[in-house]
PDB file of N, CA and C in Angstrom:
ATOM      1  N   MET A   1      10.432  98.871  18.679  1.00  0.00           N
ATOM      2  CA  MET A   1      10.257  99.697  19.851  1.00  0.00           C
ATOM      3  C   MET A   1      11.525 100.458  20.175  1.00  0.00           C
ATOM      4  N   ASP A   2      12.663 100.037  19.655  1.00  0.00           N
ATOM      5  CA  ASP A   2      13.911 100.738  19.933  1.00  0.00           C
ATOM      6  C   ASP A   2      13.853 102.196  19.499  1.00  0.00           C
ATOM      7  N   THR A   3      13.194 102.489  18.379  1.00  0.00           N
ATOM      8  CA  THR A   3      13.091 103.861  17.894  1.00  0.00           C
ATOM      9  C   THR A   3      12.343 104.726  18.894  1.00  0.00           C
ATOM     10  N   VAL A   4      11.235 104.235  19.408  1.00  0.00           N
ATOM     11  CA  VAL A   4      10.446 104.987  20.381  1.00  0.00           C
ATOM     12  C   VAL A   4      11.253 105.183  21.658  1.00  0.00           C
ATOM     13  N   GLU A   5      11.873 104.133  22.157  1.00  0.00           N
ATOM     14  CA  GLU A   5      12.661 104.242  23.384  1.00  0.00           C
ATOM     15  C   GLU A   5      13.835 105.201  23.204  1.00  0.00           C
ATOM     16  N   SER A   6      14.504 105.153  22.065  1.00  0.00           N
ATOM     17  CA  SER A   6      15.610 106.065  21.800  1.00  0.00           C
ATOM     18  C   SER A   6      15.127 107.509  21.759  1.00  0.00           C
ATOM     19  N   HIS A   7      13.990 107.733  21.125  1.00  0.00           N
ATOM     20  CA  HIS A   7      13.424 109.079  21.034  1.00  0.00           C
ATOM     21  C   HIS A   7      13.054 109.602  22.419  1.00  0.00           C
ATOM     22  N   LEU A   8      12.432 108.771  23.215  1.00  0.00           N
ATOM     23  CA  LEU A   8      12.061 109.188  24.568  1.00  0.00           C
ATOM     24  C   LEU A   8      13.307 109.482  25.408  1.00  0.00           C
ATOM     25  N   ALA A   9      14.314 108.631  25.299  1.00  0.00           N
ATOM     26  CA  ALA A   9      15.547 108.832  26.065  1.00  0.00           C
ATOM     27  C   ALA A   9      16.235 110.130  25.654  1.00  0.00           C
ATOM     28  N   ALA A  10      16.229 110.425  24.359  1.00  0.00           N
ATOM     29  CA  ALA A  10      16.858 111.654  23.869  1.00  0.00           C
ATOM     30  C   ALA A  10      16.151 112.900  24.391  1.00  0.00           C
ATOM     31  N   SER A  11      14.869 112.753  24.732  1.00  0.00           N
ATOM     32  CA  SER A  11      14.118 113.896  25.251  1.00  0.00           C
ATOM     33  C   SER A  11      14.116 113.922  26.781  1.00  0.00           C
ATOM     34  N   GLY A  12      14.921 113.040  27.388  1.00  0.00           N
ATOM     35  CA  GLY A  12      15.025 113.015  28.845  1.00  0.00           C
ATOM     36  C   GLY A  12      13.954 112.197  29.539  1.00  0.00           C
ATOM     37  N   ARG A  13      13.271 111.357  28.795  1.00  0.00           N
ATOM     38  CA  ARG A  13      12.196 110.537  29.368  1.00  0.00           C
ATOM     39  C   ARG A  13      12.501 109.055  29.169  1.00  0.00           C
ATOM     40  N   SER A  14      13.528 108.571  29.796  1.00  0.00           N
ATOM     41  CA  SER A  14      13.904 107.162  29.651  1.00  0.00           C
ATOM     42  C   SER A  14      12.862 106.267  30.312  1.00  0.00           C
ATOM     43  N   PRO A  15      12.257 105.374  29.537  1.00  0.00           N
ATOM     44  CA  PRO A  15      11.243 104.492  30.116  1.00  0.00           C
ATOM     45  C   PRO A  15      11.871 103.421  31.008  1.00  0.00           C
ATOM     46  N   ASN A  16      11.144 103.011  32.008  1.00  0.00           N
ATOM     47  CA  ASN A  16      11.555 101.922  32.888  1.00  0.00           C
ATOM     48  C   ASN A  16      10.757 100.692  32.461  1.00  0.00           C
ATOM     49  N   VAL A  17      11.300  99.924  31.542  1.00  0.00           N
ATOM     50  CA  VAL A  17      10.600  98.770  30.986  1.00  0.00           C
ATOM     51  C   VAL A  17      10.747  97.588  31.944  1.00  0.00           C
ATOM     52  N   VAL A  18       9.608  97.067  32.400  1.00  0.00           N
ATOM     53  CA  VAL A  18       9.638  95.922  33.306  1.00  0.00           C
ATOM     54  C   VAL A  18       8.989  94.684  32.695  1.00  0.00           C
ATOM     55  N   PHE A  19       8.284  94.864  31.576  1.00  0.00           N
ATOM     56  CA  PHE A  19       7.623  93.735  30.939  1.00  0.00           C
ATOM     57  C   PHE A  19       7.421  94.043  29.463  1.00  0.00           C
ATOM     58  N   ARG A  20       7.668  93.047  28.622  1.00  0.00           N
ATOM     59  CA  ARG A  20       7.398  93.161  27.185  1.00  0.00           C
ATOM     60  C   ARG A  20       6.562  91.959  26.767  1.00  0.00           C
ATOM     61  N   SER A  21       5.674  92.200  25.823  1.00  0.00           N
ATOM     62  CA  SER A  21       4.871  91.107  25.290  1.00  0.00           C
ATOM     63  C   SER A  21       4.495  91.421  23.859  1.00  0.00           C
ATOM     64  N   ASP A  22       4.405  90.386  23.037  1.00  0.00           N
ATOM     65  CA  ASP A  22       3.922  90.580  21.676  1.00  0.00           C
ATOM     66  C   ASP A  22       2.432  90.266  21.580  1.00  0.00           C
ATOM     67  N   ASN A  23       1.794  90.101  22.732  1.00  0.00           N
ATOM     68  CA  ASN A  23       0.358  89.855  22.776  1.00  0.00           C
ATOM     69  C   ASN A  23      -0.338  91.151  23.202  1.00  0.00           C
ATOM     70  N   ASN A  24      -1.036  91.768  22.271  1.00  0.00           N
ATOM     71  CA  ASN A  24      -1.671  93.054  22.534  1.00  0.00           C
ATOM     72  C   ASN A  24      -2.686  92.987  23.672  1.00  0.00           C
ATOM     73  N   GLY A  25      -3.429  91.909  23.753  1.00  0.00           N
ATOM     74  CA  GLY A  25      -4.418  91.757  24.819  1.00  0.00           C
ATOM     75  C   GLY A  25      -3.780  91.698  26.194  1.00  0.00           C
ATOM     76  N   THR A  26      -2.640  91.046  26.281  1.00  0.00           N
ATOM     77  CA  THR A  26      -1.919  90.972  27.555  1.00  0.00           C
ATOM     78  C   THR A  26      -1.460  92.350  27.988  1.00  0.00           C
ATOM     79  N   VAL A  27      -0.875  93.098  27.060  1.00  0.00           N
ATOM     80  CA  VAL A  27      -0.401  94.444  27.377  1.00  0.00           C
ATOM     81  C   VAL A  27      -1.564  95.323  27.804  1.00  0.00           C
ATOM     82  N   GLN A  28      -2.645  95.302  27.048  1.00  0.00           N
ATOM     83  CA  GLN A  28      -3.795  96.133  27.395  1.00  0.00           C
ATOM     84  C   GLN A  28      -4.401  95.699  28.722  1.00  0.00           C
ATOM     85  N   GLY A  29      -4.428  94.414  28.997  1.00  0.00           N
ATOM     86  CA  GLY A  29      -4.932  93.923  30.278  1.00  0.00           C
ATOM     87  C   GLY A  29      -4.110  94.414  31.449  1.00  0.00           C
ATOM     88  N   LEU A  30      -2.798  94.419  31.300  1.00  0.00           N
ATOM     89  CA  LEU A  30      -1.927  94.916  32.366  1.00  0.00           C
ATOM     90  C   LEU A  30      -2.117  96.421  32.585  1.00  0.00           C
ATOM     91  N   VAL A  31      -2.238  97.161  31.501  1.00  0.00           N
ATOM     92  CA  VAL A  31      -2.494  98.600  31.619  1.00  0.00           C
ATOM     93  C   VAL A  31      -3.845  98.819  32.291  1.00  0.00           C
ATOM     94  N   GLY A  32      -4.854  98.082  31.866  1.00  0.00           N
ATOM     95  CA  GLY A  32      -6.192  98.203  32.443  1.00  0.00           C
ATOM     96  C   GLY A  32      -6.238  97.843  33.915  1.00  0.00           C
ATOM     97  N   ALA A  33      -5.346  96.957  34.327  1.00  0.00           N
ATOM     98  CA  ALA A  33      -5.283  96.554  35.740  1.00  0.00           C
ATOM     99  C   ALA A  33      -4.477  97.540  36.575  1.00  0.00           C
ATOM    100  N   GLY A  34      -3.890  98.549  35.920  1.00  0.00           N
ATOM    101  CA  GLY A  34      -3.128  99.559  36.650  1.00  0.00           C
ATOM    102  C   GLY A  34      -1.683  99.190  36.914  1.00  0.00           C
ATOM    103  N   VAL A  35      -1.182  98.169  36.230  1.00  0.00           N
ATOM    104  CA  VAL A  35       0.194  97.729  36.444  1.00  0.00           C
ATOM    105  C   VAL A  35       1.196  98.728  35.865  1.00  0.00           C
ATOM    106  N   GLY A  36       0.818  99.423  34.804  1.00  0.00           N
ATOM    107  CA  GLY A  36       1.735 100.380  34.180  1.00  0.00           C
ATOM    108  C   GLY A  36       1.107 101.041  32.981  1.00  0.00           C
ATOM    109  N   VAL A  37       1.954 101.540  32.100  1.00  0.00           N
ATOM    110  CA  VAL A  37       1.514 102.191  30.871  1.00  0.00           C
ATOM    111  C   VAL A  37       2.165 101.488  29.689  1.00  0.00           C
ATOM    112  N   SER A  38       1.672 101.789  28.504  1.00  0.00           N
ATOM    113  CA  SER A  38       2.207 101.166  27.298  1.00  0.00           C
ATOM    114  C   SER A  38       2.236 102.181  26.171  1.00  0.00           C
ATOM    115  N   VAL A  39       3.248 102.086  25.332  1.00  0.00           N
ATOM    116  CA  VAL A  39       3.267 102.798  24.062  1.00  0.00           C
ATOM    117  C   VAL A  39       2.956 101.741  23.010  1.00  0.00           C
ATOM    118  N   SER A  40       1.764 101.836  22.449  1.00  0.00           N
ATOM    119  CA  SER A  40       1.297 100.818  21.504  1.00  0.00           C
ATOM    120  C   SER A  40       0.694 101.479  20.281  1.00  0.00           C
ATOM    121  N   PRO A  41       0.828 100.849  19.113  1.00  0.00           N
ATOM    122  CA  PRO A  41       0.160 101.384  17.926  1.00  0.00           C
ATOM    123  C   PRO A  41      -1.348 101.400  18.144  1.00  0.00           C
ATOM    124  N   LEU A  42      -2.008 102.474  17.719  1.00  0.00           N
ATOM    125  CA  LEU A  42      -3.440 102.609  17.927  1.00  0.00           C
ATOM    126  C   LEU A  42      -4.221 101.454  17.308  1.00  0.00           C
ATOM    127  N   LEU A  43      -3.721 100.903  16.212  1.00  0.00           N
ATOM    128  CA  LEU A  43      -4.419  99.796  15.561  1.00  0.00           C
ATOM    129  C   LEU A  43      -4.478  98.543  16.434  1.00  0.00           C
ATOM    130  N   THR A  44      -3.673  98.476  17.495  1.00  0.00           N
ATOM    131  CA  THR A  44      -3.661  97.296  18.360  1.00  0.00           C
ATOM    132  C   THR A  44      -4.462  97.502  19.639  1.00  0.00           C
ATOM    133  N   VAL A  45      -5.034  98.708  19.818  1.00  0.00           N
ATOM    134  CA  VAL A  45      -5.709  99.051  21.067  1.00  0.00           C
ATOM    135  C   VAL A  45      -7.219  98.907  20.913  1.00  0.00           C
ATOM    136  N   GLU A  46      -7.832  98.257  21.888  1.00  0.00           N
ATOM    137  CA  GLU A  46      -9.294  98.172  21.953  1.00  0.00           C
ATOM    138  C   GLU A  46      -9.764  99.427  22.674  1.00  0.00           C
ATOM    139  N   GLU A  47     -10.114 100.461  21.902  1.00  0.00           N
ATOM    140  CA  GLU A  47     -10.422 101.775  22.468  1.00  0.00           C
ATOM    141  C   GLU A  47     -11.697 101.798  23.310  1.00  0.00           C
ATOM    142  N   ASP A  48     -12.555 100.806  23.174  1.00  0.00           N
ATOM    143  CA  ASP A  48     -13.792 100.753  23.953  1.00  0.00           C
ATOM    144  C   ASP A  48     -13.581 100.234  25.374  1.00  0.00           C
ATOM    145  N   ASP A  49     -12.358  99.833  25.698  1.00  0.00           N
ATOM    146  CA  ASP A  49     -12.027  99.336  27.028  1.00  0.00           C
ATOM    147  C   ASP A  49     -12.061 100.497  28.020  1.00  0.00           C
ATOM    148  N   GLU A  50     -13.026 100.517  28.903  1.00  0.00           N
ATOM    149  CA  GLU A  50     -13.212 101.625  29.851  1.00  0.00           C
ATOM    150  C   GLU A  50     -12.126 101.688  30.922  1.00  0.00           C
ATOM    151  N   ARG A  51     -11.312 100.644  31.023  1.00  0.00           N
ATOM    152  CA  ARG A  51     -10.251 100.617  32.039  1.00  0.00           C
ATOM    153  C   ARG A  51      -9.015 101.404  31.629  1.00  0.00           C
ATOM    154  N   ILE A  52      -8.952 101.801  30.359  1.00  0.00           N
ATOM    155  CA  ILE A  52      -7.757 102.470  29.862  1.00  0.00           C
ATOM    156  C   ILE A  52      -8.084 103.871  29.338  1.00  0.00           C
ATOM    157  N   ALA A  53      -7.065 104.688  29.253  1.00  0.00           N
ATOM    158  CA  ALA A  53      -7.170 106.006  28.619  1.00  0.00           C
ATOM    159  C   ALA A  53      -6.160 106.044  27.479  1.00  0.00           C
ATOM    160  N   VAL A  54      -6.611 106.449  26.309  1.00  0.00           N
ATOM    161  CA  VAL A  54      -5.736 106.539  25.146  1.00  0.00           C
ATOM    162  C   VAL A  54      -5.229 107.972  25.042  1.00  0.00           C
ATOM    163  N   VAL A  55      -3.909 108.112  24.969  1.00  0.00           N
ATOM    164  CA  VAL A  55      -3.264 109.417  24.836  1.00  0.00           C
ATOM    165  C   VAL A  55      -2.626 109.467  23.447  1.00  0.00           C
ATOM    166  N   ASP A  56      -3.017 110.443  22.650  1.00  0.00           N
ATOM    167  CA  ASP A  56      -2.476 110.584  21.304  1.00  0.00           C
ATOM    168  C   ASP A  56      -1.044 111.101  21.374  1.00  0.00           C
ATOM    169  N   LEU A  57      -0.099 110.340  20.860  1.00  0.00           N
ATOM    170  CA  LEU A  57       1.313 110.723  20.879  1.00  0.00           C
ATOM    171  C   LEU A  57       1.790 111.255  19.534  1.00  0.00           C
ATOM    172  N   GLN A  58       0.852 111.510  18.622  1.00  0.00           N
ATOM    173  CA  GLN A  58       1.227 112.008  17.300  1.00  0.00           C
ATOM    174  C   GLN A  58       2.012 113.308  17.437  1.00  0.00           C
ATOM    175  N   GLY A  59       3.162 113.350  16.806  1.00  0.00           N
ATOM    176  CA  GLY A  59       4.032 114.511  16.868  1.00  0.00           C
ATOM    177  C   GLY A  59       5.005 114.481  18.042  1.00  0.00           C
ATOM    178  N   ARG A  60       4.788 113.573  18.986  1.00  0.00           N
ATOM    179  CA  ARG A  60       5.674 113.474  20.147  1.00  0.00           C
ATOM    180  C   ARG A  60       6.714 112.378  19.997  1.00  0.00           C
ATOM    181  N   ILE A  61       6.370 111.356  19.223  1.00  0.00           N
ATOM    182  CA  ILE A  61       7.301 110.272  18.931  1.00  0.00           C
ATOM    183  C   ILE A  61       7.261 110.019  17.428  1.00  0.00           C
ATOM    184  N   PRO A  62       8.300 109.408  16.870  1.00  0.00           N
ATOM    185  CA  PRO A  62       8.311 109.159  15.420  1.00  0.00           C
ATOM    186  C   PRO A  62       7.143 108.262  15.022  1.00  0.00           C
ATOM    187  N   PRO A  63       6.558 108.496  13.847  1.00  0.00           N
ATOM    188  CA  PRO A  63       5.441 107.660  13.401  1.00  0.00           C
ATOM    189  C   PRO A  63       5.903 106.241  13.095  1.00  0.00           C
ATOM    190  N   ARG A  64       4.980 105.324  13.210  1.00  0.00           N
ATOM    191  CA  ARG A  64       5.255 103.935  12.856  1.00  0.00           C
ATOM    192  C   ARG A  64       5.174 103.813  11.344  1.00  0.00           C
ATOM    193  N   VAL A  65       6.148 103.151  10.749  1.00  0.00           N
ATOM    194  CA  VAL A  65       6.173 102.976   9.304  1.00  0.00           C
ATOM    195  C   VAL A  65       5.860 101.516   8.991  1.00  0.00           C
ATOM    196  N   ILE A  66       4.867 101.320   8.141  1.00  0.00           N
ATOM    197  CA  ILE A  66       4.482  99.980   7.717  1.00  0.00           C
ATOM    198  C   ILE A  66       4.649  99.922   6.209  1.00  0.00           C
ATOM    199  N   GLY A  67       5.311  98.905   5.728  1.00  0.00           N
ATOM    200  CA  GLY A  67       5.530  98.786   4.288  1.00  0.00           C
ATOM    201  C   GLY A  67       4.912  97.519   3.728  1.00  0.00           C
ATOM    202  N   LEU A  68       4.463  97.607   2.493  1.00  0.00           N
ATOM    203  CA  LEU A  68       3.960  96.446   1.761  1.00  0.00           C
ATOM    204  C   LEU A  68       4.844  96.265   0.536  1.00  0.00           C
ATOM    205  N   VAL A  69       5.313  95.073   0.330  1.00  0.00           N
ATOM    206  CA  VAL A  69       6.161  94.797  -0.831  1.00  0.00           C
ATOM    207  C   VAL A  69       5.700  93.514  -1.509  1.00  0.00           C
ATOM    208  N   TRP A  70       5.971  93.449  -2.806  1.00  0.00           N
ATOM    209  CA  TRP A  70       5.706  92.238  -3.552  1.00  0.00           C
ATOM    210  C   TRP A  70       6.627  92.239  -4.758  1.00  0.00           C
ATOM    211  N   HIS A  71       6.852  91.076  -5.296  1.00  0.00           N
ATOM    212  CA  HIS A  71       7.723  90.925  -6.455  1.00  0.00           C
ATOM    213  C   HIS A  71       6.969  91.421  -7.683  1.00  0.00           C
ATOM    214  N   HIS A  72       7.581  92.336  -8.435  1.00  0.00           N
ATOM    215  CA  HIS A  72       6.885  92.964  -9.562  1.00  0.00           C
ATOM    216  C   HIS A  72       6.577  91.998 -10.695  1.00  0.00           C
ATOM    217  N   ASP A  73       7.257  90.879 -10.782  1.00  0.00           N
ATOM    218  CA  ASP A  73       7.010  89.916 -11.854  1.00  0.00           C
ATOM    219  C   ASP A  73       6.000  88.831 -11.475  1.00  0.00           C
ATOM    220  N   ARG A  74       5.526  88.866 -10.265  1.00  0.00           N
ATOM    221  CA  ARG A  74       4.596  87.827  -9.825  1.00  0.00           C
ATOM    222  C   ARG A  74       3.170  88.358  -9.797  1.00  0.00           C
ATOM    223  N   HIS A  75       2.253  87.461 -10.076  1.00  0.00           N
ATOM    224  CA  HIS A  75       0.822  87.808 -10.074  1.00  0.00           C
ATOM    225  C   HIS A  75       0.344  88.055  -8.649  1.00  0.00           C
ATOM    226  N   ARG A  76      -0.380  89.143  -8.444  1.00  0.00           N
ATOM    227  CA  ARG A  76      -1.008  89.403  -7.143  1.00  0.00           C
ATOM    228  C   ARG A  76      -2.428  88.879  -7.205  1.00  0.00           C
ATOM    229  N   THR A  77      -2.785  88.085  -6.222  1.00  0.00           N
ATOM    230  CA  THR A  77      -4.125  87.512  -6.170  1.00  0.00           C
ATOM    231  C   THR A  77      -5.149  88.603  -5.850  1.00  0.00           C
ATOM    232  N   PRO A  78      -6.421  88.345  -6.114  1.00  0.00           N
ATOM    233  CA  PRO A  78      -7.450  89.312  -5.733  1.00  0.00           C
ATOM    234  C   PRO A  78      -7.432  89.600  -4.222  1.00  0.00           C
ATOM    235  N   ALA A  79      -7.112  88.602  -3.414  1.00  0.00           N
ATOM    236  CA  ALA A  79      -7.031  88.807  -1.965  1.00  0.00           C
ATOM    237  C   ALA A  79      -5.888  89.767  -1.629  1.00  0.00           C
ATOM    238  N   ALA A  80      -4.753  89.618  -2.290  1.00  0.00           N
ATOM    239  CA  ALA A  80      -3.620  90.516  -2.052  1.00  0.00           C
ATOM    240  C   ALA A  80      -3.965  91.935  -2.493  1.00  0.00           C
ATOM    241  N   ASP A  81      -4.623  92.068  -3.632  1.00  0.00           N
ATOM    242  CA  ASP A  81      -5.055  93.390  -4.093  1.00  0.00           C
ATOM    243  C   ASP A  81      -6.010  94.032  -3.090  1.00  0.00           C
ATOM    244  N   ALA A  82      -6.931  93.245  -2.556  1.00  0.00           N
ATOM    245  CA  ALA A  82      -7.887  93.765  -1.570  1.00  0.00           C
ATOM    246  C   ALA A  82      -7.163  94.202  -0.302  1.00  0.00           C
ATOM    247  N   PHE A  83      -6.140  93.443   0.095  1.00  0.00           N
ATOM    248  CA  PHE A  83      -5.376  93.812   1.281  1.00  0.00           C
ATOM    249  C   PHE A  83      -4.650  95.134   1.064  1.00  0.00           C
ATOM    250  N   VAL A  84      -4.032  95.311  -0.093  1.00  0.00           N
ATOM    251  CA  VAL A  84      -3.327  96.561  -0.399  1.00  0.00           C
ATOM    252  C   VAL A  84      -4.316  97.723  -0.382  1.00  0.00           C
ATOM    253  N   GLU A  85      -5.478  97.546  -0.976  1.00  0.00           N
ATOM    254  CA  GLU A  85      -6.497  98.602  -0.978  1.00  0.00           C
ATOM    255  C   GLU A  85      -6.948  98.930   0.447  1.00  0.00           C
ATOM    256  N   SER A  86      -7.148  97.906   1.256  1.00  0.00           N
ATOM    257  CA  SER A  86      -7.578  98.110   2.641  1.00  0.00           C
ATOM    258  C   SER A  86      -6.503  98.826   3.450  1.00  0.00           C
ATOM    259  N   ALA A  87      -5.254  98.408   3.319  1.00  0.00           N
ATOM    260  CA  ALA A  87      -4.153  99.046   4.044  1.00  0.00           C
ATOM    261  C   ALA A  87      -4.009 100.499   3.625  1.00  0.00           C
ATOM    262  N   THR A  88      -4.154 100.783   2.345  1.00  0.00           N
ATOM    263  CA  THR A  88      -4.078 102.151   1.845  1.00  0.00           C
ATOM    264  C   THR A  88      -5.201 102.999   2.430  1.00  0.00           C
ATOM    265  N   ALA A  89      -6.410 102.454   2.484  1.00  0.00           N
ATOM    266  CA  ALA A  89      -7.549 103.190   3.047  1.00  0.00           C
ATOM    267  C   ALA A  89      -7.339 103.478   4.530  1.00  0.00           C
ATOM    268  N   VAL A  90      -6.818 102.507   5.275  1.00  0.00           N
ATOM    269  CA  VAL A  90      -6.572 102.709   6.708  1.00  0.00           C
ATOM    270  C   VAL A  90      -5.518 103.794   6.908  1.00  0.00           C
ATOM    271  N   CYS A  91      -4.448 103.779   6.112  1.00  0.00           N
ATOM    272  CA  CYS A  91      -3.409 104.804   6.222  1.00  0.00           C
ATOM    273  C   CYS A  91      -3.992 106.188   5.953  1.00  0.00           C
ATOM    274  N   ARG A  92      -4.837 106.296   4.949  1.00  0.00           N
ATOM    275  CA  ARG A  92      -5.457 107.600   4.657  1.00  0.00           C
ATOM    276  C   ARG A  92      -6.356 108.041   5.802  1.00  0.00           C
ATOM    277  N   THR A  93      -7.083 107.120   6.391  1.00  0.00           N
ATOM    278  CA  THR A  93      -7.957 107.430   7.517  1.00  0.00           C
ATOM    279  C   THR A  93      -7.154 107.933   8.710  1.00  0.00           C
ATOM    280  N   LEU A  94      -5.988 107.343   8.925  1.00  0.00           N
ATOM    281  CA  LEU A  94      -5.149 107.724  10.062  1.00  0.00           C
ATOM    282  C   LEU A  94      -4.301 108.953   9.763  1.00  0.00           C
ATOM    283  N   GLY A  95      -4.405 109.480   8.554  1.00  0.00           N
ATOM    284  CA  GLY A  95      -3.714 110.722   8.240  1.00  0.00           C
ATOM    285  C   GLY A  95      -2.349 110.560   7.623  1.00  0.00           C
ATOM    286  N   ALA A  96      -1.947 109.357   7.331  1.00  0.00           N
ATOM    287  CA  ALA A  96      -0.643 109.133   6.699  1.00  0.00           C
ATOM    288  C   ALA A  96      -0.862 108.750   5.261  1.00  0.00           C
ATOM    289  N   GLU A  97      -0.506 109.623   4.359  1.00  0.00           N
ATOM    290  CA  GLU A  97      -0.678 109.338   2.936  1.00  0.00           C
ATOM    291  C   GLU A  97       0.325 108.266   2.519  1.00  0.00           C
ATOM    292  N   PRO A  98      -0.157 107.152   1.965  1.00  0.00           N
ATOM    293  CA  PRO A  98       0.775 106.095   1.543  1.00  0.00           C
ATOM    294  C   PRO A  98       1.635 106.558   0.379  1.00  0.00           C
ATOM    295  N   GLU A  99       2.883 106.090   0.370  1.00  0.00           N
ATOM    296  CA  GLU A  99       3.799 106.421  -0.718  1.00  0.00           C
ATOM    297  C   GLU A  99       3.555 105.480  -1.892  1.00  0.00           C
ATOM    298  N   ALA A 100       3.648 105.985  -3.088  1.00  0.00           N
ATOM    299  CA  ALA A 100       3.472 105.160  -4.284  1.00  0.00           C
ATOM    300  C   ALA A 100       4.686 104.281  -4.504  1.00  0.00           C
ATOM    301  N   ALA A 101       4.438 103.129  -5.090  1.00  0.00           N
ATOM    302  CA  ALA A 101       5.537 102.199  -5.377  1.00  0.00           C
ATOM    303  C   ALA A 101       6.248 102.592  -6.640  1.00  0.00           C
TER     304      ALA A 101
END
């Protein structure tokens, strides 16, 4: 979150952080209750929640970078292969072309 906060501060929009949580449901519940706002990855948001409004920040803050790594000499299980395929498909759906290894 430091990258997002630094970017916002550099643009003159320093956030007033009063609560942090690594529980997505807690954050969304607080936003839904009107306690404040949140900058959260879209993949963590329950968009069907009628108590919240989702604002697309694409192009306004740096994109979130997610990486997958594995040791090149070790066997990848079918489950690991399926996860890589799924993550790649989600990235393409969200408009971020995954980089080749």
